[in-house]
Amino acid sequence: MRFWIARGAATPMKEQLISQLLLAIFSGRFAPGERLPSLRQLARRLQLHPNTISAVYQELATRGWVEQRPGSGVYVRPQLPPPSLDSLVERFLAETAAAGYPSSAVLDALHRALQPPPPPTRVVVDPDPALAEVIAAELSAQWSESVGFASSDSPPPGCQLWASAGRLPRLQQPACPVRLISLEEMLAHAQRPPSGSLLAVVSISPTILDWSARILAALGISPDAVVLRNPRQANGLDGLALCASIGADAVAARLLPATLPHHVFRVVAVQKPS
């Protein structure tokens, strides 16, 4: 896998590499249990001091995304396996018996619960509700159905929840993972703007704008050549007419004037509903 590091950028090289490694994990480029490049290998490839790579891996370990195995290397931390069905059933029956429910009542309740449910209402949740809105818009287009969105602090009851794979550990309730698009996929269709021209990223999500700034810095694009705009904010369209290239998320693109040339970038990889 390729990494990009821009020396002298406003974003520290350590943060540039952390962002790219996290995105690689969230997008599935590094699978659970997969070994990351060794300290010396990655330091030699990027021409960085091994202590810098060590600090990056230590930060990822602190956040719970990787585990360091002495004498073996650094690995993407696997997801904890779910409890077995038998153990769940045993726990359920023990709890119903302790609560005094007879077996017949438990069976009646199970029959009612196992009736075919109505199609689930799918809702994307995230600490950044605007990011949830962007992901929901992309999934709606992929699945040809309406997908809702909400803050992960107040998810609606009775819905099938979806969230970026990178957010799942923070949630207090189970959710289906959304795989984000990898950096290589993002760059596959992107064209670098001519030298001296302005590049704009337009998004309703502060998270997307922050990630864009870090990744563009890692690609060696000067912050002075990048315009970051949220079209829902006051003066959110200022300066865009001067930009040679404008990329907008799926929601922000609807808020841009039709006369302003732009392309829509994706943040979600193609996947099927479950």
C-alpha atoms as a PDB file:
ATOM      1  CA  MET A   1       0.000   0.000   0.000  1.00  0.00           C
ATOM      2  CA  ARG A   2       1.213   3.489  -0.839  1.00  0.00           C
ATOM      3  CA  PHE A   3       1.418   6.375   1.641  1.00  0.00           C
ATOM      4  CA  TRP A   4       1.933  10.079   1.014  1.00  0.00           C
ATOM      5  CA  ILE A   5       3.908  12.409   3.284  1.00  0.00           C
ATOM      6  CA  ALA A   6       4.410  16.136   2.716  1.00  0.00           C
ATOM      7  CA  ARG A   7       7.328  17.638   4.588  1.00  0.00           C
ATOM      8  CA  GLY A   8       6.980  21.183   5.815  1.00  0.00           C
ATOM      9  CA  ALA A   9       3.180  21.079   5.706  1.00  0.00           C
ATOM     10  CA  ALA A  10       1.085  22.666   8.446  1.00  0.00           C
ATOM     11  CA  THR A  11      -0.237  19.214   9.395  1.00  0.00           C
ATOM     12  CA  PRO A  12       2.509  17.248  11.243  1.00  0.00           C
ATOM     13  CA  MET A  13       3.825  14.215   9.377  1.00  0.00           C
ATOM     14  CA  LYS A  14       2.738  11.992  12.264  1.00  0.00           C
ATOM     15  CA  GLU A  15      -0.889  13.141  11.902  1.00  0.00           C
ATOM     16  CA  GLN A  16      -0.710  12.739   8.112  1.00  0.00           C
ATOM     17  CA  LEU A  17       0.323   9.097   8.496  1.00  0.00           C
ATOM     18  CA  ILE A  18      -2.192   8.367  11.299  1.00  0.00           C
ATOM     19  CA  SER A  19      -5.037   9.670   9.132  1.00  0.00           C
ATOM     20  CA  GLN A  20      -4.004   7.511   6.168  1.00  0.00           C
ATOM     21  CA  LEU A  21      -3.564   4.370   8.279  1.00  0.00           C
ATOM     22  CA  LEU A  22      -6.954   4.862   9.924  1.00  0.00           C
ATOM     23  CA  LEU A  23      -8.618   5.356   6.554  1.00  0.00           C
ATOM     24  CA  ALA A  24      -6.886   2.189   5.295  1.00  0.00           C
ATOM     25  CA  ILE A  25      -8.319   0.264   8.271  1.00  0.00           C
ATOM     26  CA  PHE A  26     -11.817   1.788   7.933  1.00  0.00           C
ATOM     27  CA  SER A  27     -11.914   1.052   4.187  1.00  0.00           C
ATOM     28  CA  GLY A  28     -10.732  -2.540   4.601  1.00  0.00           C
ATOM     29  CA  ARG A  29      -7.361  -2.056   2.895  1.00  0.00           C
ATOM     30  CA  PHE A  30      -5.893  -3.447   6.125  1.00  0.00           C
ATOM     31  CA  ALA A  31      -8.138  -6.273   7.346  1.00  0.00           C
ATOM     32  CA  PRO A  32      -8.593  -7.300  10.999  1.00  0.00           C
ATOM     33  CA  GLY A  33      -5.648  -9.451  12.011  1.00  0.00           C
ATOM     34  CA  GLU A  34      -3.450  -8.214   9.155  1.00  0.00           C
ATOM     35  CA  ARG A  35       0.148  -7.273   9.955  1.00  0.00           C
ATOM     36  CA  LEU A  36       1.156  -3.654   9.275  1.00  0.00           C
ATOM     37  CA  PRO A  37       4.533  -2.801   7.729  1.00  0.00           C
ATOM     38  CA  SER A  38       7.402  -3.058  10.208  1.00  0.00           C
ATOM     39  CA  LEU A  39       8.843   0.082  11.811  1.00  0.00           C
ATOM     40  CA  ARG A  40      12.057  -0.124   9.821  1.00  0.00           C
ATOM     41  CA  GLN A  41      10.307  -0.983   6.570  1.00  0.00           C
ATOM     42  CA  LEU A  42       7.859   1.916   6.787  1.00  0.00           C
ATOM     43  CA  ALA A  43      10.516   4.342   8.060  1.00  0.00           C
ATOM     44  CA  ARG A  44      12.805   3.443   5.159  1.00  0.00           C
ATOM     45  CA  ARG A  45       9.992   3.704   2.606  1.00  0.00           C
ATOM     46  CA  LEU A  46       8.850   7.139   3.833  1.00  0.00           C
ATOM     47  CA  GLN A  47      12.342   8.329   4.834  1.00  0.00           C
ATOM     48  CA  LEU A  48      11.192   9.029   8.371  1.00  0.00           C
ATOM     49  CA  HIS A  49      12.864   8.292  11.683  1.00  0.00           C
ATOM     50  CA  PRO A  50      11.761   4.921  13.157  1.00  0.00           C
ATOM     51  CA  ASN A  51      10.758   6.777  16.342  1.00  0.00           C
ATOM     52  CA  THR A  52       8.146   8.661  14.305  1.00  0.00           C
ATOM     53  CA  ILE A  53       6.646   5.412  12.996  1.00  0.00           C
ATOM     54  CA  SER A  54       6.779   3.965  16.520  1.00  0.00           C
ATOM     55  CA  ALA A  55       4.847   6.988  17.829  1.00  0.00           C
ATOM     56  CA  VAL A  56       2.248   6.550  15.067  1.00  0.00           C
ATOM     57  CA  TYR A  57       1.727   2.862  15.896  1.00  0.00           C
ATOM     58  CA  GLN A  58       1.612   3.641  19.621  1.00  0.00           C
ATOM     59  CA  GLU A  59      -1.120   6.220  19.014  1.00  0.00           C
ATOM     60  CA  LEU A  60      -3.142   3.722  16.958  1.00  0.00           C
ATOM     61  CA  ALA A  61      -2.700   1.145  19.730  1.00  0.00           C
ATOM     62  CA  THR A  62      -3.865   3.666  22.342  1.00  0.00           C
ATOM     63  CA  ARG A  63      -6.986   4.302  20.261  1.00  0.00           C
ATOM     64  CA  GLY A  64      -7.602   0.551  20.117  1.00  0.00           C
ATOM     65  CA  TRP A  65      -7.143   0.008  16.381  1.00  0.00           C
ATOM     66  CA  VAL A  66      -3.928  -2.036  16.418  1.00  0.00           C
ATOM     67  CA  GLU A  67      -2.123  -4.347  18.810  1.00  0.00           C
ATOM     68  CA  GLN A  68       1.624  -4.707  19.205  1.00  0.00           C
ATOM     69  CA  ARG A  69       2.818  -8.303  19.517  1.00  0.00           C
ATOM     70  CA  PRO A  70       6.367  -8.495  20.925  1.00  0.00           C
ATOM     71  CA  GLY A  71       8.746 -10.112  18.483  1.00  0.00           C
ATOM     72  CA  SER A  72       6.068 -10.340  15.782  1.00  0.00           C
ATOM     73  CA  GLY A  73       4.958  -6.864  14.772  1.00  0.00           C
ATOM     74  CA  VAL A  74       1.914  -4.607  14.750  1.00  0.00           C
ATOM     75  CA  TYR A  75      -1.469  -6.023  13.701  1.00  0.00           C
ATOM     76  CA  VAL A  76      -4.922  -4.588  13.069  1.00  0.00           C
ATOM     77  CA  ARG A  77      -6.947  -5.469  16.138  1.00  0.00           C
ATOM     78  CA  PRO A  78      -9.667  -8.020  15.286  1.00  0.00           C
ATOM     79  CA  GLN A  79     -13.265  -7.302  16.198  1.00  0.00           C
ATOM     80  CA  LEU A  80     -14.358  -9.187  19.299  1.00  0.00           C
ATOM     81  CA  PRO A  81     -16.377 -12.284  18.279  1.00  0.00           C
ATOM     82  CA  PRO A  82     -20.075 -12.202  19.196  1.00  0.00           C
ATOM     83  CA  PRO A  83     -21.300 -14.558  21.926  1.00  0.00           C
ATOM     84  CA  SER A  84     -22.524 -17.939  20.686  1.00  0.00           C
ATOM     85  CA  LEU A  85     -26.223 -18.462  20.015  1.00  0.00           C
ATOM     86  CA  ASP A  86     -26.403 -21.268  22.584  1.00  0.00           C
ATOM     87  CA  SER A  87     -24.966 -19.047  25.324  1.00  0.00           C
ATOM     88  CA  LEU A  88     -27.441 -16.282  24.462  1.00  0.00           C
ATOM     89  CA  VAL A  89     -30.383 -18.705  24.604  1.00  0.00           C
ATOM     90  CA  GLU A  90     -29.206 -20.160  27.929  1.00  0.00           C
ATOM     91  CA  ARG A  91     -28.873 -16.672  29.401  1.00  0.00           C
ATOM     92  CA  PHE A  92     -32.328 -15.700  28.111  1.00  0.00           C
ATOM     93  CA  LEU A  93     -34.031 -18.798  29.557  1.00  0.00           C
ATOM     94  CA  ALA A  94     -32.259 -18.348  32.884  1.00  0.00           C
ATOM     95  CA  GLU A  95     -33.425 -14.735  33.101  1.00  0.00           C
ATOM     96  CA  THR A  96     -37.037 -15.554  32.191  1.00  0.00           C
ATOM     97  CA  ALA A  97     -37.105 -18.405  34.733  1.00  0.00           C
ATOM     98  CA  ALA A  98     -35.644 -16.126  37.412  1.00  0.00           C
ATOM     99  CA  ALA A  99     -38.344 -13.554  36.599  1.00  0.00           C
ATOM    100  CA  GLY A 100     -41.043 -16.193  37.130  1.00  0.00           C
ATOM    101  CA  TYR A 101     -42.324 -16.602  33.564  1.00  0.00           C
ATOM    102  CA  PRO A 102     -43.662 -20.105  32.720  1.00  0.00           C
ATOM    103  CA  SER A 103     -42.300 -21.921  29.649  1.00  0.00           C
ATOM    104  CA  SER A 104     -45.607 -21.577  27.784  1.00  0.00           C
ATOM    105  CA  ALA A 105     -45.532 -17.779  28.118  1.00  0.00           C
ATOM    106  CA  VAL A 106     -41.915 -17.675  26.936  1.00  0.00           C
ATOM    107  CA  LEU A 107     -42.796 -19.784  23.872  1.00  0.00           C
ATOM    108  CA  ASP A 108     -45.777 -17.543  23.031  1.00  0.00           C
ATOM    109  CA  ALA A 109     -43.553 -14.470  23.274  1.00  0.00           C
ATOM    110  CA  LEU A 110     -40.935 -16.088  21.030  1.00  0.00           C
ATOM    111  CA  HIS A 111     -43.549 -16.965  18.403  1.00  0.00           C
ATOM    112  CA  ARG A 112     -44.728 -13.335  18.338  1.00  0.00           C
ATOM    113  CA  ALA A 113     -41.160 -12.039  18.171  1.00  0.00           C
ATOM    114  CA  LEU A 114     -40.239 -14.384  15.309  1.00  0.00           C
ATOM    115  CA  GLN A 115     -43.053 -13.218  13.051  1.00  0.00           C
ATOM    116  CA  PRO A 116     -41.611 -11.668   9.836  1.00  0.00           C
ATOM    117  CA  PRO A 117     -40.866  -8.056  10.726  1.00  0.00           C
ATOM    118  CA  PRO A 118     -41.652  -5.152   8.414  1.00  0.00           C
ATOM    119  CA  PRO A 119     -38.777  -3.949   6.228  1.00  0.00           C
ATOM    120  CA  PRO A 120     -36.316  -2.115   8.486  1.00  0.00           C
ATOM    121  CA  THR A 121     -35.998   1.620   8.375  1.00  0.00           C
ATOM    122  CA  ARG A 122     -32.303   2.226   7.849  1.00  0.00           C
ATOM    123  CA  VAL A 123     -30.701   5.180   9.585  1.00  0.00           C
ATOM    124  CA  VAL A 124     -27.061   6.326   9.491  1.00  0.00           C
ATOM    125  CA  VAL A 125     -25.769   7.681  12.816  1.00  0.00           C
ATOM    126  CA  ASP A 126     -22.583   9.576  13.581  1.00  0.00           C
ATOM    127  CA  PRO A 127     -21.264  12.053  16.182  1.00  0.00           C
ATOM    128  CA  ASP A 128     -21.140  14.476  13.222  1.00  0.00           C
ATOM    129  CA  PRO A 129     -24.779  14.488  11.999  1.00  0.00           C
ATOM    130  CA  ALA A 130     -23.707  16.184   8.762  1.00  0.00           C
ATOM    131  CA  LEU A 131     -21.382  13.266   7.985  1.00  0.00           C
ATOM    132  CA  ALA A 132     -24.288  10.904   8.696  1.00  0.00           C
ATOM    133  CA  GLU A 133     -26.377  12.915   6.217  1.00  0.00           C
ATOM    134  CA  VAL A 134     -23.714  12.595   3.495  1.00  0.00           C
ATOM    135  CA  ILE A 135     -23.341   8.837   4.046  1.00  0.00           C
ATOM    136  CA  ALA A 136     -27.142   8.414   4.044  1.00  0.00           C
ATOM    137  CA  ALA A 137     -27.405  10.316   0.749  1.00  0.00           C
ATOM    138  CA  GLU A 138     -24.848   8.024  -0.885  1.00  0.00           C
ATOM    139  CA  LEU A 139     -26.473   4.852   0.463  1.00  0.00           C
ATOM    140  CA  SER A 140     -29.898   6.083  -0.666  1.00  0.00           C
ATOM    141  CA  ALA A 141     -28.549   6.425  -4.200  1.00  0.00           C
ATOM    142  CA  GLN A 142     -26.813   3.029  -4.065  1.00  0.00           C
ATOM    143  CA  TRP A 143     -29.801   1.128  -2.676  1.00  0.00           C
ATOM    144  CA  SER A 144     -32.591   3.077  -4.421  1.00  0.00           C
ATOM    145  CA  GLU A 145     -34.375   3.579  -1.118  1.00  0.00           C
ATOM    146  CA  SER A 146     -34.691   6.318   1.457  1.00  0.00           C
ATOM    147  CA  VAL A 147     -32.043   6.119   4.190  1.00  0.00           C
ATOM    148  CA  GLY A 148     -32.358   8.394   7.206  1.00  0.00           C
ATOM    149  CA  PHE A 149     -29.669   9.986   9.331  1.00  0.00           C
ATOM    150  CA  ALA A 150     -29.286  11.160  12.927  1.00  0.00           C
ATOM    151  CA  SER A 151     -26.765  12.029  15.595  1.00  0.00           C
ATOM    152  CA  SER A 152     -25.373   8.988  17.371  1.00  0.00           C
ATOM    153  CA  ASP A 153     -26.272  10.757  20.641  1.00  0.00           C
ATOM    154  CA  SER A 154     -29.994  10.381  19.881  1.00  0.00           C
ATOM    155  CA  PRO A 155     -30.640   7.512  17.437  1.00  0.00           C
ATOM    156  CA  PRO A 156     -34.302   6.912  16.589  1.00  0.00           C
ATOM    157  CA  PRO A 157     -35.796   3.756  18.166  1.00  0.00           C
ATOM    158  CA  GLY A 158     -36.828   0.757  16.117  1.00  0.00           C
ATOM    159  CA  CYS A 159     -34.458   1.406  13.214  1.00  0.00           C
ATOM    160  CA  GLN A 160     -31.616  -0.533  11.659  1.00  0.00           C
ATOM    161  CA  LEU A 161     -28.595   1.614  12.456  1.00  0.00           C
ATOM    162  CA  TRP A 162     -25.599   2.050  10.166  1.00  0.00           C
ATOM    163  CA  ALA A 163     -22.320   3.831  10.924  1.00  0.00           C
ATOM    164  CA  SER A 164     -18.845   4.251   9.524  1.00  0.00           C
ATOM    165  CA  ALA A 165     -16.646   1.331  10.577  1.00  0.00           C
ATOM    166  CA  GLY A 166     -14.357   3.807  12.296  1.00  0.00           C
ATOM    167  CA  ARG A 167     -17.160   5.041  14.551  1.00  0.00           C
ATOM    168  CA  LEU A 168     -18.536   1.673  15.718  1.00  0.00           C
ATOM    169  CA  PRO A 169     -16.411   1.410  18.895  1.00  0.00           C
ATOM    170  CA  ARG A 170     -17.792   4.748  20.104  1.00  0.00           C
ATOM    171  CA  LEU A 171     -21.443   3.799  19.734  1.00  0.00           C
ATOM    172  CA  GLN A 172     -23.489   2.596  22.667  1.00  0.00           C
ATOM    173  CA  GLN A 173     -25.724   0.383  20.495  1.00  0.00           C
ATOM    174  CA  PRO A 174     -25.091  -2.169  17.725  1.00  0.00           C
ATOM    175  CA  ALA A 175     -24.904  -0.869  14.157  1.00  0.00           C
ATOM    176  CA  CYS A 176     -24.070  -2.229  10.713  1.00  0.00           C
ATOM    177  CA  PRO A 177     -20.678  -1.084   9.418  1.00  0.00           C
ATOM    178  CA  VAL A 178     -20.361   1.264   6.453  1.00  0.00           C
ATOM    179  CA  ARG A 179     -17.061   0.843   4.609  1.00  0.00           C
ATOM    180  CA  LEU A 180     -15.512   4.140   3.579  1.00  0.00           C
ATOM    181  CA  ILE A 181     -13.802   4.533   0.232  1.00  0.00           C
ATOM    182  CA  SER A 182     -10.018   4.075   0.372  1.00  0.00           C
ATOM    183  CA  LEU A 183      -7.519   6.810  -0.411  1.00  0.00           C
ATOM    184  CA  GLU A 184      -6.391   4.944  -3.541  1.00  0.00           C
ATOM    185  CA  GLU A 185      -9.988   4.829  -4.776  1.00  0.00           C
ATOM    186  CA  MET A 186     -10.375   8.543  -4.100  1.00  0.00           C
ATOM    187  CA  LEU A 187      -7.269   9.391  -6.096  1.00  0.00           C
ATOM    188  CA  ALA A 188      -8.003   7.017  -8.977  1.00  0.00           C
ATOM    189  CA  HIS A 189     -10.361   9.486 -10.649  1.00  0.00           C
ATOM    190  CA  ALA A 190      -8.910  12.711  -9.264  1.00  0.00           C
ATOM    191  CA  GLN A 191      -6.855  15.097 -11.356  1.00  0.00           C
ATOM    192  CA  ARG A 192      -4.226  17.292  -9.747  1.00  0.00           C
ATOM    193  CA  PRO A 193      -4.998  20.975 -10.433  1.00  0.00           C
ATOM    194  CA  PRO A 194      -2.464  22.991 -12.448  1.00  0.00           C
ATOM    195  CA  SER A 195       0.348  24.565 -10.437  1.00  0.00           C
ATOM    196  CA  GLY A 196      -0.673  27.889  -8.939  1.00  0.00           C
ATOM    197  CA  SER A 197      -4.416  27.219  -9.203  1.00  0.00           C
ATOM    198  CA  LEU A 198      -6.914  26.849  -6.390  1.00  0.00           C
ATOM    199  CA  LEU A 199      -8.561  23.572  -5.364  1.00  0.00           C
ATOM    200  CA  ALA A 200     -11.869  23.647  -3.456  1.00  0.00           C
ATOM    201  CA  VAL A 201     -13.464  21.015  -1.233  1.00  0.00           C
ATOM    202  CA  VAL A 202     -17.110  21.746  -0.459  1.00  0.00           C
ATOM    203  CA  SER A 203     -18.879  19.742   2.238  1.00  0.00           C
ATOM    204  CA  ILE A 204     -21.612  20.150   4.819  1.00  0.00           C
ATOM    205  CA  SER A 205     -19.544  17.973   7.197  1.00  0.00           C
ATOM    206  CA  PRO A 206     -16.773  19.417   9.402  1.00  0.00           C
ATOM    207  CA  THR A 207     -15.331  15.895   9.605  1.00  0.00           C
ATOM    208  CA  ILE A 208     -14.978  15.623   5.815  1.00  0.00           C
ATOM    209  CA  LEU A 209     -13.417  19.080   5.597  1.00  0.00           C
ATOM    210  CA  ASP A 210     -10.920  18.211   8.338  1.00  0.00           C
ATOM    211  CA  TRP A 211      -9.961  14.888   6.721  1.00  0.00           C
ATOM    212  CA  SER A 212      -9.664  16.591   3.317  1.00  0.00           C
ATOM    213  CA  ALA A 213      -7.256  19.194   4.712  1.00  0.00           C
ATOM    214  CA  ARG A 214      -5.049  16.471   6.239  1.00  0.00           C
ATOM    215  CA  ILE A 215      -4.997  14.254   3.167  1.00  0.00           C
ATOM    216  CA  LEU A 216      -4.320  17.124   0.751  1.00  0.00           C
ATOM    217  CA  ALA A 217      -1.475  18.249   3.006  1.00  0.00           C
ATOM    218  CA  ALA A 218      -0.047  14.723   2.909  1.00  0.00           C
ATOM    219  CA  LEU A 219      -0.212  14.832  -0.900  1.00  0.00           C
ATOM    220  CA  GLY A 220       1.975  17.929  -0.875  1.00  0.00           C
ATOM    221  CA  ILE A 221      -0.707  20.440  -1.796  1.00  0.00           C
ATOM    222  CA  SER A 222      -0.100  23.741  -0.009  1.00  0.00           C
ATOM    223  CA  PRO A 223      -2.894  24.895   2.334  1.00  0.00           C
ATOM    224  CA  ASP A 224      -2.743  28.230   0.496  1.00  0.00           C
ATOM    225  CA  ALA A 225      -3.945  26.423  -2.642  1.00  0.00           C
ATOM    226  CA  VAL A 226      -6.916  24.782  -0.897  1.00  0.00           C
ATOM    227  CA  VAL A 227     -10.315  26.372  -0.285  1.00  0.00           C
ATOM    228  CA  LEU A 228     -12.550  24.576   2.251  1.00  0.00           C
ATOM    229  CA  ARG A 229     -16.197  25.612   2.269  1.00  0.00           C
ATOM    230  CA  ASN A 230     -19.441  24.598   3.952  1.00  0.00           C
ATOM    231  CA  PRO A 231     -22.327  25.838   1.763  1.00  0.00           C
ATOM    232  CA  ARG A 232     -24.699  25.909   4.744  1.00  0.00           C
ATOM    233  CA  GLN A 233     -22.617  28.524   6.496  1.00  0.00           C
ATOM    234  CA  ALA A 234     -22.664  32.249   5.850  1.00  0.00           C
ATOM    235  CA  ASN A 235     -20.385  33.108   2.911  1.00  0.00           C
ATOM    236  CA  GLY A 236     -20.062  29.377   2.251  1.00  0.00           C
ATOM    237  CA  LEU A 237     -19.751  29.939  -1.501  1.00  0.00           C
ATOM    238  CA  ASP A 238     -17.187  32.730  -1.358  1.00  0.00           C
ATOM    239  CA  GLY A 239     -14.163  32.270  -3.584  1.00  0.00           C
ATOM    240  CA  LEU A 240     -15.407  29.139  -5.337  1.00  0.00           C
ATOM    241  CA  ALA A 241     -15.682  30.865  -8.712  1.00  0.00           C
ATOM    242  CA  LEU A 242     -11.910  31.429  -8.615  1.00  0.00           C
ATOM    243  CA  CYS A 243     -11.101  27.722  -8.173  1.00  0.00           C
ATOM    244  CA  ALA A 244      -9.848  25.568 -11.047  1.00  0.00           C
ATOM    245  CA  SER A 245     -11.306  22.417  -9.496  1.00  0.00           C
ATOM    246  CA  ILE A 246     -14.238  22.014  -7.098  1.00  0.00           C
ATOM    247  CA  GLY A 247     -15.117  18.746  -5.374  1.00  0.00           C
ATOM    248  CA  ALA A 248     -18.358  18.512  -3.411  1.00  0.00           C
ATOM    249  CA  ASP A 249     -19.980  15.805  -1.310  1.00  0.00           C
ATOM    250  CA  ALA A 250     -23.308  14.315  -2.393  1.00  0.00           C
ATOM    251  CA  VAL A 251     -25.353  16.761  -0.296  1.00  0.00           C
ATOM    252  CA  ALA A 252     -23.245  19.893  -0.773  1.00  0.00           C
ATOM    253  CA  ALA A 253     -23.386  19.423  -4.557  1.00  0.00           C
ATOM    254  CA  ARG A 254     -27.136  20.069  -4.452  1.00  0.00           C
ATOM    255  CA  LEU A 255     -26.505  23.436  -2.786  1.00  0.00           C
ATOM    256  CA  LEU A 256     -24.086  24.718  -5.427  1.00  0.00           C
ATOM    257  CA  PRO A 257     -25.294  26.951  -8.280  1.00  0.00           C
ATOM    258  CA  ALA A 258     -25.866  25.040 -11.508  1.00  0.00           C
ATOM    259  CA  THR A 259     -23.550  27.497 -13.251  1.00  0.00           C
ATOM    260  CA  LEU A 260     -20.590  26.513 -11.032  1.00  0.00           C
ATOM    261  CA  PRO A 261     -18.647  23.552 -12.544  1.00  0.00           C
ATOM    262  CA  HIS A 262     -17.883  20.864  -9.975  1.00  0.00           C
ATOM    263  CA  HIS A 263     -17.549  17.130  -9.491  1.00  0.00           C
ATOM    264  CA  VAL A 264     -19.150  15.006  -6.773  1.00  0.00           C
ATOM    265  CA  PHE A 265     -16.794  12.868  -4.694  1.00  0.00           C
ATOM    266  CA  ARG A 266     -17.843   9.723  -2.835  1.00  0.00           C
ATOM    267  CA  VAL A 267     -16.963   8.834   0.746  1.00  0.00           C
ATOM    268  CA  VAL A 268     -18.715   5.437   0.846  1.00  0.00           C
ATOM    269  CA  ALA A 269     -17.579   2.293  -0.955  1.00  0.00           C
ATOM    270  CA  VAL A 270     -20.139   0.270  -2.890  1.00  0.00           C
ATOM    271  CA  GLN A 271     -21.876  -2.220  -0.608  1.00  0.00           C
ATOM    272  CA  LYS A 272     -25.141  -4.102  -0.272  1.00  0.00           C
ATOM    273  CA  PRO A 273     -27.823  -3.538   2.378  1.00  0.00           C
ATOM    274  CA  SER A 274     -28.327  -6.240   4.973  1.00  0.00           C
END
